[in-house]
Amino acid sequence: MVRIGQVMYLHKDAYAEYKKRHSELWPEMRAALKEYGASNYSIFLNEATGQTFAYLEVPDEATYNKIADTEVCKKWWRYMAPLMDTNPDNSPVTTDLKEMFHLD
């Protein structure tokens, strides 16, 4: 299992809406995440900075990365774009984190 950690950047006035939208995650987005291998997925917020820390596990990172090519993922990115820093294609600006320690 590959563990992925990333930081994303929310607009400070969007915390409640971000949480609301994730609590109402579209069934088709949930299904796509599972189809492309995501499990044990959590997102945490640093309220002082607007940074989120996302953690998920996937069997294969290359397979998981193909979710970015799906229509539902692109639609989700457009939906979330007003709430966070994004790239020109509406994908979230992310900083990939390097795993430094893991304890089972």
PDB file of N, CA and C in Angstrom:
ATOM      1  N   MET A   1       0.844  -1.179   0.000  1.00  0.00           N
ATOM      2  CA  MET A   1       0.000   0.000   0.000  1.00  0.00           C
ATOM      3  C   MET A   1       0.887   1.239   0.000  1.00  0.00           C
ATOM      4  N   VAL A   2       0.565   2.198  -0.841  1.00  0.00           N
ATOM      5  CA  VAL A   2       1.295   3.463  -0.914  1.00  0.00           C
ATOM      6  C   VAL A   2       0.528   4.499  -0.094  1.00  0.00           C
ATOM      7  N   ARG A   3       1.228   5.178   0.803  1.00  0.00           N
ATOM      8  CA  ARG A   3       0.633   6.245   1.608  1.00  0.00           C
ATOM      9  C   ARG A   3       0.961   7.578   0.946  1.00  0.00           C
ATOM     10  N   ILE A   4      -0.061   8.407   0.749  1.00  0.00           N
ATOM     11  CA  ILE A   4       0.109   9.708   0.096  1.00  0.00           C
ATOM     12  C   ILE A   4      -0.255  10.804   1.088  1.00  0.00           C
ATOM     13  N   GLY A   5       0.588  11.804   1.194  1.00  0.00           N
ATOM     14  CA  GLY A   5       0.312  12.988   2.001  1.00  0.00           C
ATOM     15  C   GLY A   5       0.500  14.226   1.154  1.00  0.00           C
ATOM     16  N   GLN A   6      -0.469  15.127   1.218  1.00  0.00           N
ATOM     17  CA  GLN A   6      -0.401  16.373   0.445  1.00  0.00           C
ATOM     18  C   GLN A   6      -0.954  17.531   1.267  1.00  0.00           C
ATOM     19  N   VAL A   7      -0.462  18.709   0.971  1.00  0.00           N
ATOM     20  CA  VAL A   7      -0.992  19.940   1.533  1.00  0.00           C
ATOM     21  C   VAL A   7      -1.722  20.676   0.423  1.00  0.00           C
ATOM     22  N   MET A   8      -2.903  21.203   0.746  1.00  0.00           N
ATOM     23  CA  MET A   8      -3.655  22.069  -0.168  1.00  0.00           C
ATOM     24  C   MET A   8      -3.964  23.360   0.587  1.00  0.00           C
ATOM     25  N   TYR A   9      -4.510  24.332  -0.104  1.00  0.00           N
ATOM     26  CA  TYR A   9      -4.608  25.680   0.458  1.00  0.00           C
ATOM     27  C   TYR A   9      -6.023  26.230   0.281  1.00  0.00           C
ATOM     28  N   LEU A  10      -6.768  26.317   1.390  1.00  0.00           N
ATOM     29  CA  LEU A  10      -8.132  26.851   1.360  1.00  0.00           C
ATOM     30  C   LEU A  10      -8.130  28.352   1.557  1.00  0.00           C
ATOM     31  N   HIS A  11      -9.133  28.993   0.985  1.00  0.00           N
ATOM     32  CA  HIS A  11      -9.369  30.401   1.284  1.00  0.00           C
ATOM     33  C   HIS A  11      -9.969  30.460   2.687  1.00  0.00           C
ATOM     34  N   LYS A  12      -9.540  31.413   3.475  1.00  0.00           N
ATOM     35  CA  LYS A  12      -9.921  31.451   4.890  1.00  0.00           C
ATOM     36  C   LYS A  12     -11.415  31.629   5.120  1.00  0.00           C
ATOM     37  N   ASP A  13     -12.140  32.172   4.152  1.00  0.00           N
ATOM     38  CA  ASP A  13     -13.594  32.329   4.316  1.00  0.00           C
ATOM     39  C   ASP A  13     -14.368  31.109   3.808  1.00  0.00           C
ATOM     40  N   ALA A  14     -13.668  30.046   3.441  1.00  0.00           N
ATOM     41  CA  ALA A  14     -14.313  28.895   2.801  1.00  0.00           C
ATOM     42  C   ALA A  14     -14.300  27.628   3.653  1.00  0.00           C
ATOM     43  N   TYR A  15     -13.841  27.699   4.868  1.00  0.00           N
ATOM     44  CA  TYR A  15     -13.692  26.485   5.678  1.00  0.00           C
ATOM     45  C   TYR A  15     -15.006  25.731   5.834  1.00  0.00           C
ATOM     46  N   ALA A  16     -16.061  26.444   6.228  1.00  0.00           N
ATOM     47  CA  ALA A  16     -17.351  25.790   6.472  1.00  0.00           C
ATOM     48  C   ALA A  16     -17.909  25.183   5.186  1.00  0.00           C
ATOM     49  N   GLU A  17     -17.801  25.902   4.093  1.00  0.00           N
ATOM     50  CA  GLU A  17     -18.324  25.393   2.819  1.00  0.00           C
ATOM     51  C   GLU A  17     -17.521  24.185   2.341  1.00  0.00           C
ATOM     52  N   TYR A  18     -16.226  24.219   2.531  1.00  0.00           N
ATOM     53  CA  TYR A  18     -15.379  23.086   2.154  1.00  0.00           C
ATOM     54  C   TYR A  18     -15.805  21.838   2.925  1.00  0.00           C
ATOM     55  N   LYS A  19     -15.983  21.991   4.231  1.00  0.00           N
ATOM     56  CA  LYS A  19     -16.415  20.861   5.060  1.00  0.00           C
ATOM     57  C   LYS A  19     -17.793  20.373   4.626  1.00  0.00           C
ATOM     58  N   LYS A  20     -18.706  21.284   4.362  1.00  0.00           N
ATOM     59  CA  LYS A  20     -20.063  20.928   3.933  1.00  0.00           C
ATOM     60  C   LYS A  20     -20.029  20.127   2.632  1.00  0.00           C
ATOM     61  N   ARG A  21     -19.281  20.606   1.658  1.00  0.00           N
ATOM     62  CA  ARG A  21     -19.223  19.925   0.360  1.00  0.00           C
ATOM     63  C   ARG A  21     -18.626  18.528   0.488  1.00  0.00           C
ATOM     64  N   HIS A  22     -17.655  18.370   1.353  1.00  0.00           N
ATOM     65  CA  HIS A  22     -17.082  17.032   1.538  1.00  0.00           C
ATOM     66  C   HIS A  22     -18.026  16.125   2.328  1.00  0.00           C
ATOM     67  N   SER A  23     -18.804  16.688   3.229  1.00  0.00           N
ATOM     68  CA  SER A  23     -19.770  15.850   3.963  1.00  0.00           C
ATOM     69  C   SER A  23     -20.898  15.393   3.045  1.00  0.00           C
ATOM     70  N   GLU A  24     -21.070  16.084   1.923  1.00  0.00           N
ATOM     71  CA  GLU A  24     -22.078  15.735   0.922  1.00  0.00           C
ATOM     72  C   GLU A  24     -21.421  15.231  -0.362  1.00  0.00           C
ATOM     73  N   LEU A  25     -20.281  14.568  -0.215  1.00  0.00           N
ATOM     74  CA  LEU A  25     -19.531  14.070  -1.374  1.00  0.00           C
ATOM     75  C   LEU A  25     -20.463  13.319  -2.319  1.00  0.00           C
ATOM     76  N   TRP A  26     -20.407  13.700  -3.580  1.00  0.00           N
ATOM     77  CA  TRP A  26     -21.268  13.062  -4.583  1.00  0.00           C
ATOM     78  C   TRP A  26     -21.009  11.562  -4.616  1.00  0.00           C
ATOM     79  N   PRO A  27     -22.058  10.765  -4.729  1.00  0.00           N
ATOM     80  CA  PRO A  27     -21.868   9.308  -4.819  1.00  0.00           C
ATOM     81  C   PRO A  27     -20.955   8.899  -5.973  1.00  0.00           C
ATOM     82  N   GLU A  28     -21.049   9.592  -7.101  1.00  0.00           N
ATOM     83  CA  GLU A  28     -20.202   9.238  -8.237  1.00  0.00           C
ATOM     84  C   GLU A  28     -18.730   9.598  -7.995  1.00  0.00           C
ATOM     85  N   MET A  29     -18.475  10.626  -7.189  1.00  0.00           N
ATOM     86  CA  MET A  29     -17.086  10.965  -6.841  1.00  0.00           C
ATOM     87  C   MET A  29     -16.551   9.941  -5.849  1.00  0.00           C
ATOM     88  N   ARG A  30     -17.369   9.564  -4.878  1.00  0.00           N
ATOM     89  CA  ARG A  30     -16.979   8.528  -3.913  1.00  0.00           C
ATOM     90  C   ARG A  30     -16.655   7.222  -4.656  1.00  0.00           C
ATOM     91  N   ALA A  31     -17.507   6.858  -5.616  1.00  0.00           N
ATOM     92  CA  ALA A  31     -17.297   5.634  -6.392  1.00  0.00           C
ATOM     93  C   ALA A  31     -16.001   5.716  -7.197  1.00  0.00           C
ATOM     94  N   ALA A  32     -15.701   6.870  -7.785  1.00  0.00           N
ATOM     95  CA  ALA A  32     -14.471   7.030  -8.566  1.00  0.00           C
ATOM     96  C   ALA A  32     -13.240   6.896  -7.664  1.00  0.00           C
ATOM     97  N   LEU A  33     -13.286   7.501  -6.502  1.00  0.00           N
ATOM     98  CA  LEU A  33     -12.158   7.378  -5.577  1.00  0.00           C
ATOM     99  C   LEU A  33     -11.897   5.911  -5.247  1.00  0.00           C
ATOM    100  N   LYS A  34     -12.957   5.177  -4.964  1.00  0.00           N
ATOM    101  CA  LYS A  34     -12.804   3.746  -4.654  1.00  0.00           C
ATOM    102  C   LYS A  34     -12.311   2.978  -5.883  1.00  0.00           C
ATOM    103  N   GLU A  35     -12.888   3.287  -7.048  1.00  0.00           N
ATOM    104  CA  GLU A  35     -12.499   2.590  -8.285  1.00  0.00           C
ATOM    105  C   GLU A  35     -11.013   2.754  -8.583  1.00  0.00           C
ATOM    106  N   TYR A  36     -10.473   3.929  -8.299  1.00  0.00           N
ATOM    107  CA  TYR A  36      -9.069   4.200  -8.593  1.00  0.00           C
ATOM    108  C   TYR A  36      -8.148   3.892  -7.407  1.00  0.00           C
ATOM    109  N   GLY A  37      -8.717   3.260  -6.382  1.00  0.00           N
ATOM    110  CA  GLY A  37      -7.890   2.691  -5.331  1.00  0.00           C
ATOM    111  C   GLY A  37      -7.774   3.444  -4.027  1.00  0.00           C
ATOM    112  N   ALA A  38      -8.427   4.585  -3.877  1.00  0.00           N
ATOM    113  CA  ALA A  38      -8.282   5.368  -2.649  1.00  0.00           C
ATOM    114  C   ALA A  38      -8.967   4.673  -1.470  1.00  0.00           C
ATOM    115  N   SER A  39      -8.263   4.644  -0.356  1.00  0.00           N
ATOM    116  CA  SER A  39      -8.848   4.163   0.895  1.00  0.00           C
ATOM    117  C   SER A  39      -8.203   4.916   2.046  1.00  0.00           C
ATOM    118  N   ASN A  40      -8.833   4.808   3.200  1.00  0.00           N
ATOM    119  CA  ASN A  40      -8.309   5.461   4.408  1.00  0.00           C
ATOM    120  C   ASN A  40      -7.967   6.930   4.130  1.00  0.00           C
ATOM    121  N   TYR A  41      -8.898   7.631   3.490  1.00  0.00           N
ATOM    122  CA  TYR A  41      -8.694   9.003   3.023  1.00  0.00           C
ATOM    123  C   TYR A  41      -9.224   9.974   4.072  1.00  0.00           C
ATOM    124  N   SER A  42      -8.373  10.872   4.528  1.00  0.00           N
ATOM    125  CA  SER A  42      -8.751  11.902   5.491  1.00  0.00           C
ATOM    126  C   SER A  42      -8.158  13.238   5.050  1.00  0.00           C
ATOM    127  N   ILE A  43      -8.861  14.321   5.398  1.00  0.00           N
ATOM    128  CA  ILE A  43      -8.347  15.668   5.155  1.00  0.00           C
ATOM    129  C   ILE A  43      -8.472  16.438   6.466  1.00  0.00           C
ATOM    130  N   PHE A  44      -7.386  17.079   6.878  1.00  0.00           N
ATOM    131  CA  PHE A  44      -7.342  17.854   8.114  1.00  0.00           C
ATOM    132  C   PHE A  44      -7.071  19.315   7.765  1.00  0.00           C
ATOM    133  N   LEU A  45      -7.604  20.235   8.566  1.00  0.00           N
ATOM    134  CA  LEU A  45      -7.451  21.669   8.329  1.00  0.00           C
ATOM    135  C   LEU A  45      -6.647  22.326   9.445  1.00  0.00           C
ATOM    136  N   ASN A  46      -5.674  23.144   9.065  1.00  0.00           N
ATOM    137  CA  ASN A  46      -5.007  24.051   9.992  1.00  0.00           C
ATOM    138  C   ASN A  46      -5.751  25.374   9.874  1.00  0.00           C
ATOM    139  N   GLU A  47      -6.622  25.663  10.822  1.00  0.00           N
ATOM    140  CA  GLU A  47      -7.471  26.860  10.732  1.00  0.00           C
ATOM    141  C   GLU A  47      -6.681  28.155  10.765  1.00  0.00           C
ATOM    142  N   ALA A  48      -5.505  28.146  11.332  1.00  0.00           N
ATOM    143  CA  ALA A  48      -4.694  29.358  11.407  1.00  0.00           C
ATOM    144  C   ALA A  48      -4.121  29.760  10.050  1.00  0.00           C
ATOM    145  N   THR A  49      -3.876  28.767   9.178  1.00  0.00           N
ATOM    146  CA  THR A  49      -3.203  29.064   7.913  1.00  0.00           C
ATOM    147  C   THR A  49      -4.044  28.785   6.672  1.00  0.00           C
ATOM    148  N   GLY A  50      -5.104  27.980   6.802  1.00  0.00           N
ATOM    149  CA  GLY A  50      -5.879  27.571   5.637  1.00  0.00           C
ATOM    150  C   GLY A  50      -5.297  26.366   4.930  1.00  0.00           C
ATOM    151  N   GLN A  51      -4.208  25.837   5.449  1.00  0.00           N
ATOM    152  CA  GLN A  51      -3.619  24.651   4.833  1.00  0.00           C
ATOM    153  C   GLN A  51      -4.396  23.417   5.273  1.00  0.00           C
ATOM    154  N   THR A  52      -4.611  22.536   4.302  1.00  0.00           N
ATOM    155  CA  THR A  52      -5.166  21.238   4.640  1.00  0.00           C
ATOM    156  C   THR A  52      -4.070  20.204   4.476  1.00  0.00           C
ATOM    157  N   PHE A  53      -4.196  19.135   5.224  1.00  0.00           N
ATOM    158  CA  PHE A  53      -3.320  17.976   5.076  1.00  0.00           C
ATOM    159  C   PHE A  53      -4.211  16.816   4.666  1.00  0.00           C
ATOM    160  N   ALA A  54      -3.976  16.296   3.474  1.00  0.00           N
ATOM    161  CA  ALA A  54      -4.734  15.149   2.976  1.00  0.00           C
ATOM    162  C   ALA A  54      -3.859  13.909   3.078  1.00  0.00           C
ATOM    163  N   TYR A  55      -4.473  12.838   3.557  1.00  0.00           N
ATOM    164  CA  TYR A  55      -3.783  11.558   3.668  1.00  0.00           C
ATOM    165  C   TYR A  55      -4.681  10.483   3.072  1.00  0.00           C
ATOM    166  N   LEU A  56      -4.107   9.635   2.218  1.00  0.00           N
ATOM    167  CA  LEU A  56      -4.840   8.500   1.690  1.00  0.00           C
ATOM    168  C   LEU A  56      -3.882   7.379   1.368  1.00  0.00           C
ATOM    169  N   GLU A  57      -4.456   6.213   1.206  1.00  0.00           N
ATOM    170  CA  GLU A  57      -3.677   5.039   0.848  1.00  0.00           C
ATOM    171  C   GLU A  57      -4.211   4.486  -0.460  1.00  0.00           C
ATOM    172  N   VAL A  58      -3.286   4.058  -1.321  1.00  0.00           N
ATOM    173  CA  VAL A  58      -3.649   3.485  -2.624  1.00  0.00           C
ATOM    174  C   VAL A  58      -2.765   2.268  -2.878  1.00  0.00           C
ATOM    175  N   PRO A  59      -3.288   1.256  -3.598  1.00  0.00           N
ATOM    176  CA  PRO A  59      -2.443   0.114  -3.925  1.00  0.00           C
ATOM    177  C   PRO A  59      -1.373   0.462  -4.949  1.00  0.00           C
ATOM    178  N   ASP A  60      -1.693   1.412  -5.840  1.00  0.00           N
ATOM    179  CA  ASP A  60      -0.779   1.764  -6.924  1.00  0.00           C
ATOM    180  C   ASP A  60      -0.984   3.242  -7.271  1.00  0.00           C
ATOM    181  N   GLU A  61       0.049   4.042  -7.100  1.00  0.00           N
ATOM    182  CA  GLU A  61      -0.069   5.483  -7.305  1.00  0.00           C
ATOM    183  C   GLU A  61      -0.359   5.840  -8.756  1.00  0.00           C
ATOM    184  N   ALA A  62       0.221   5.134  -9.710  1.00  0.00           N
ATOM    185  CA  ALA A  62      -0.019   5.428 -11.135  1.00  0.00           C
ATOM    186  C   ALA A  62      -1.497   5.206 -11.487  1.00  0.00           C
ATOM    187  N   THR A  63      -2.075   4.142 -10.968  1.00  0.00           N
ATOM    188  CA  THR A  63      -3.499   3.886 -11.208  1.00  0.00           C
ATOM    189  C   THR A  63      -4.338   4.974 -10.569  1.00  0.00           C
ATOM    190  N   TYR A  64      -4.031   5.324  -9.331  1.00  0.00           N
ATOM    191  CA  TYR A  64      -4.794   6.372  -8.645  1.00  0.00           C
ATOM    192  C   TYR A  64      -4.714   7.694  -9.406  1.00  0.00           C
ATOM    193  N   ASN A  65      -3.568   8.045  -9.915  1.00  0.00           N
ATOM    194  CA  ASN A  65      -3.402   9.326 -10.608  1.00  0.00           C
ATOM    195  C   ASN A  65      -4.277   9.447 -11.852  1.00  0.00           C
ATOM    196  N   LYS A  66      -4.731   8.342 -12.407  1.00  0.00           N
ATOM    197  CA  LYS A  66      -5.606   8.377 -13.585  1.00  0.00           C
ATOM    198  C   LYS A  66      -6.983   8.937 -13.273  1.00  0.00           C
ATOM    199  N   ILE A  67      -7.338   9.059 -12.003  1.00  0.00           N
ATOM    200  CA  ILE A  67      -8.622   9.654 -11.637  1.00  0.00           C
ATOM    201  C   ILE A  67      -8.721  11.087 -12.161  1.00  0.00           C
ATOM    202  N   ALA A  68      -7.574  11.748 -12.290  1.00  0.00           N
ATOM    203  CA  ALA A  68      -7.556  13.137 -12.765  1.00  0.00           C
ATOM    204  C   ALA A  68      -8.098  13.272 -14.177  1.00  0.00           C
ATOM    205  N   ASP A  69      -8.123  12.195 -14.930  1.00  0.00           N
ATOM    206  CA  ASP A  69      -8.615  12.226 -16.306  1.00  0.00           C
ATOM    207  C   ASP A  69     -10.111  11.967 -16.412  1.00  0.00           C
ATOM    208  N   THR A  70     -10.771  11.667 -15.294  1.00  0.00           N
ATOM    209  CA  THR A  70     -12.197  11.346 -15.346  1.00  0.00           C
ATOM    210  C   THR A  70     -13.046  12.614 -15.337  1.00  0.00           C
ATOM    211  N   GLU A  71     -14.201  12.531 -15.955  1.00  0.00           N
ATOM    212  CA  GLU A  71     -15.110  13.686 -15.992  1.00  0.00           C
ATOM    213  C   GLU A  71     -15.599  14.063 -14.603  1.00  0.00           C
ATOM    214  N   VAL A  72     -15.876  13.072 -13.750  1.00  0.00           N
ATOM    215  CA  VAL A  72     -16.372  13.397 -12.416  1.00  0.00           C
ATOM    216  C   VAL A  72     -15.322  14.127 -11.596  1.00  0.00           C
ATOM    217  N   CYS A  73     -14.067  13.761 -11.746  1.00  0.00           N
ATOM    218  CA  CYS A  73     -12.997  14.449 -11.021  1.00  0.00           C
ATOM    219  C   CYS A  73     -12.868  15.893 -11.510  1.00  0.00           C
ATOM    220  N   LYS A  74     -12.902  16.081 -12.808  1.00  0.00           N
ATOM    221  CA  LYS A  74     -12.816  17.440 -13.367  1.00  0.00           C
ATOM    222  C   LYS A  74     -14.000  18.289 -12.920  1.00  0.00           C
ATOM    223  N   LYS A  75     -15.176  17.665 -12.874  1.00  0.00           N
ATOM    224  CA  LYS A  75     -16.370  18.371 -12.392  1.00  0.00           C
ATOM    225  C   LYS A  75     -16.207  18.741 -10.919  1.00  0.00           C
ATOM    226  N   TRP A  76     -15.675  17.830 -10.100  1.00  0.00           N
ATOM    227  CA  TRP A  76     -15.442  18.106  -8.675  1.00  0.00           C
ATOM    228  C   TRP A  76     -14.456  19.254  -8.507  1.00  0.00           C
ATOM    229  N   TRP A  77     -13.383  19.233  -9.293  1.00  0.00           N
ATOM    230  CA  TRP A  77     -12.409  20.322  -9.211  1.00  0.00           C
ATOM    231  C   TRP A  77     -13.056  21.669  -9.519  1.00  0.00           C
ATOM    232  N   ARG A  78     -13.894  21.730 -10.552  1.00  0.00           N
ATOM    233  CA  ARG A  78     -14.591  22.991 -10.883  1.00  0.00           C
ATOM    234  C   ARG A  78     -15.479  23.442  -9.726  1.00  0.00           C
ATOM    235  N   TYR A  79     -16.155  22.483  -9.106  1.00  0.00           N
ATOM    236  CA  TYR A  79     -17.054  22.755  -7.985  1.00  0.00           C
ATOM    237  C   TYR A  79     -16.292  23.301  -6.777  1.00  0.00           C
ATOM    238  N   MET A  80     -15.108  22.777  -6.541  1.00  0.00           N
ATOM    239  CA  MET A  80     -14.317  23.169  -5.376  1.00  0.00           C
ATOM    240  C   MET A  80     -13.413  24.378  -5.629  1.00  0.00           C
ATOM    241  N   ALA A  81     -13.166  24.724  -6.875  1.00  0.00           N
ATOM    242  CA  ALA A  81     -12.212  25.784  -7.230  1.00  0.00           C
ATOM    243  C   ALA A  81     -12.456  27.112  -6.518  1.00  0.00           C
ATOM    244  N   PRO A  82     -13.704  27.558  -6.331  1.00  0.00           N
ATOM    245  CA  PRO A  82     -13.884  28.845  -5.651  1.00  0.00           C
ATOM    246  C   PRO A  82     -13.422  28.866  -4.192  1.00  0.00           C
ATOM    247  N   LEU A  83     -13.177  27.701  -3.617  1.00  0.00           N
ATOM    248  CA  LEU A  83     -12.867  27.612  -2.201  1.00  0.00           C
ATOM    249  C   LEU A  83     -11.377  27.516  -1.882  1.00  0.00           C
ATOM    250  N   MET A  84     -10.559  27.348  -2.931  1.00  0.00           N
ATOM    251  CA  MET A  84      -9.156  27.030  -2.657  1.00  0.00           C
ATOM    252  C   MET A  84      -8.245  27.500  -3.779  1.00  0.00           C
ATOM    253  N   ASP A  85      -6.958  27.476  -3.523  1.00  0.00           N
ATOM    254  CA  ASP A  85      -5.975  27.793  -4.558  1.00  0.00           C
ATOM    255  C   ASP A  85      -5.986  26.663  -5.581  1.00  0.00           C
ATOM    256  N   THR A  86      -6.049  27.034  -6.863  1.00  0.00           N
ATOM    257  CA  THR A  86      -6.121  26.033  -7.924  1.00  0.00           C
ATOM    258  C   THR A  86      -5.151  26.352  -9.055  1.00  0.00           C
ATOM    259  N   ASN A  87      -4.886  25.325  -9.829  1.00  0.00           N
ATOM    260  CA  ASN A  87      -4.095  25.443 -11.051  1.00  0.00           C
ATOM    261  C   ASN A  87      -5.025  25.853 -12.193  1.00  0.00           C
ATOM    262  N   PRO A  88      -4.482  26.205 -13.372  1.00  0.00           N
ATOM    263  CA  PRO A  88      -5.323  26.613 -14.503  1.00  0.00           C
ATOM    264  C   PRO A  88      -6.390  25.579 -14.901  1.00  0.00           C
ATOM    265  N   ASP A  89      -6.144  24.288 -14.641  1.00  0.00           N
ATOM    266  CA  ASP A  89      -7.145  23.263 -14.984  1.00  0.00           C
ATOM    267  C   ASP A  89      -8.140  23.021 -13.842  1.00  0.00           C
ATOM    268  N   ASN A  90      -8.141  23.877 -12.826  1.00  0.00           N
ATOM    269  CA  ASN A  90      -8.991  23.798 -11.632  1.00  0.00           C
ATOM    270  C   ASN A  90      -8.553  22.745 -10.622  1.00  0.00           C
ATOM    271  N   SER A  91      -7.514  21.983 -10.905  1.00  0.00           N
ATOM    272  CA  SER A  91      -7.024  21.033  -9.903  1.00  0.00           C
ATOM    273  C   SER A  91      -6.466  21.827  -8.728  1.00  0.00           C
ATOM    274  N   PRO A  92      -6.562  21.281  -7.530  1.00  0.00           N
ATOM    275  CA  PRO A  92      -6.026  22.007  -6.373  1.00  0.00           C
ATOM    276  C   PRO A  92      -4.509  22.172  -6.467  1.00  0.00           C
ATOM    277  N   VAL A  93      -4.040  23.313  -6.045  1.00  0.00           N
ATOM    278  CA  VAL A  93      -2.602  23.479  -5.862  1.00  0.00           C
ATOM    279  C   VAL A  93      -2.226  22.579  -4.685  1.00  0.00           C
ATOM    280  N   THR A  94      -1.269  21.710  -4.901  1.00  0.00           N
ATOM    281  CA  THR A  94      -0.860  20.785  -3.845  1.00  0.00           C
ATOM    282  C   THR A  94       0.642  20.817  -3.658  1.00  0.00           C
ATOM    283  N   THR A  95       1.044  20.514  -2.463  1.00  0.00           N
ATOM    284  CA  THR A  95       2.434  20.260  -2.152  1.00  0.00           C
ATOM    285  C   THR A  95       2.505  18.817  -1.687  1.00  0.00           C
ATOM    286  N   ASP A  96       3.223  17.992  -2.432  1.00  0.00           N
ATOM    287  CA  ASP A  96       3.391  16.598  -2.053  1.00  0.00           C
ATOM    288  C   ASP A  96       4.368  16.518  -0.896  1.00  0.00           C
ATOM    289  N   LEU A  97       4.054  15.682   0.066  1.00  0.00           N
ATOM    290  CA  LEU A  97       4.890  15.521   1.238  1.00  0.00           C
ATOM    291  C   LEU A  97       5.651  14.198   1.161  1.00  0.00           C
ATOM    292  N   LYS A  98       6.864  14.217   1.609  1.00  0.00           N
ATOM    293  CA  LYS A  98       7.712  13.020   1.624  1.00  0.00           C
ATOM    294  C   LYS A  98       7.548  12.329   2.978  1.00  0.00           C
ATOM    295  N   GLU A  99       7.232  11.050   2.928  1.00  0.00           N
ATOM    296  CA  GLU A  99       7.088  10.303   4.177  1.00  0.00           C
ATOM    297  C   GLU A  99       8.434  10.180   4.862  1.00  0.00           C
ATOM    298  N   MET A 100       8.465  10.532   6.141  1.00  0.00           N
ATOM    299  CA  MET A 100       9.704  10.491   6.923  1.00  0.00           C
ATOM    300  C   MET A 100       9.660   9.428   8.022  1.00  0.00           C
ATOM    301  N   PHE A 101       8.442   8.975   8.375  1.00  0.00           N
ATOM    302  CA  PHE A 101       8.306   7.975   9.426  1.00  0.00           C
ATOM    303  C   PHE A 101       6.946   7.335   9.306  1.00  0.00           C
ATOM    304  N   HIS A 102       6.888   6.045   9.617  1.00  0.00           N
ATOM    305  CA  HIS A 102       5.613   5.318   9.653  1.00  0.00           C
ATOM    306  C   HIS A 102       5.698   4.240  10.712  1.00  0.00           C
ATOM    307  N   LEU A 103       4.664   4.113  11.524  1.00  0.00           N
ATOM    308  CA  LEU A 103       4.570   3.073  12.529  1.00  0.00           C
ATOM    309  C   LEU A 103       3.292   2.302  12.316  1.00  0.00           C
ATOM    310  N   ASP A 104       3.379   1.013  12.090  1.00  0.00           N
ATOM    311  CA  ASP A 104       2.181   0.166  11.971  1.00  0.00           C
ATOM    312  C   ASP A 104       1.626  -0.124  13.341  1.00  0.00           C
TER     313      ASP A 104
END
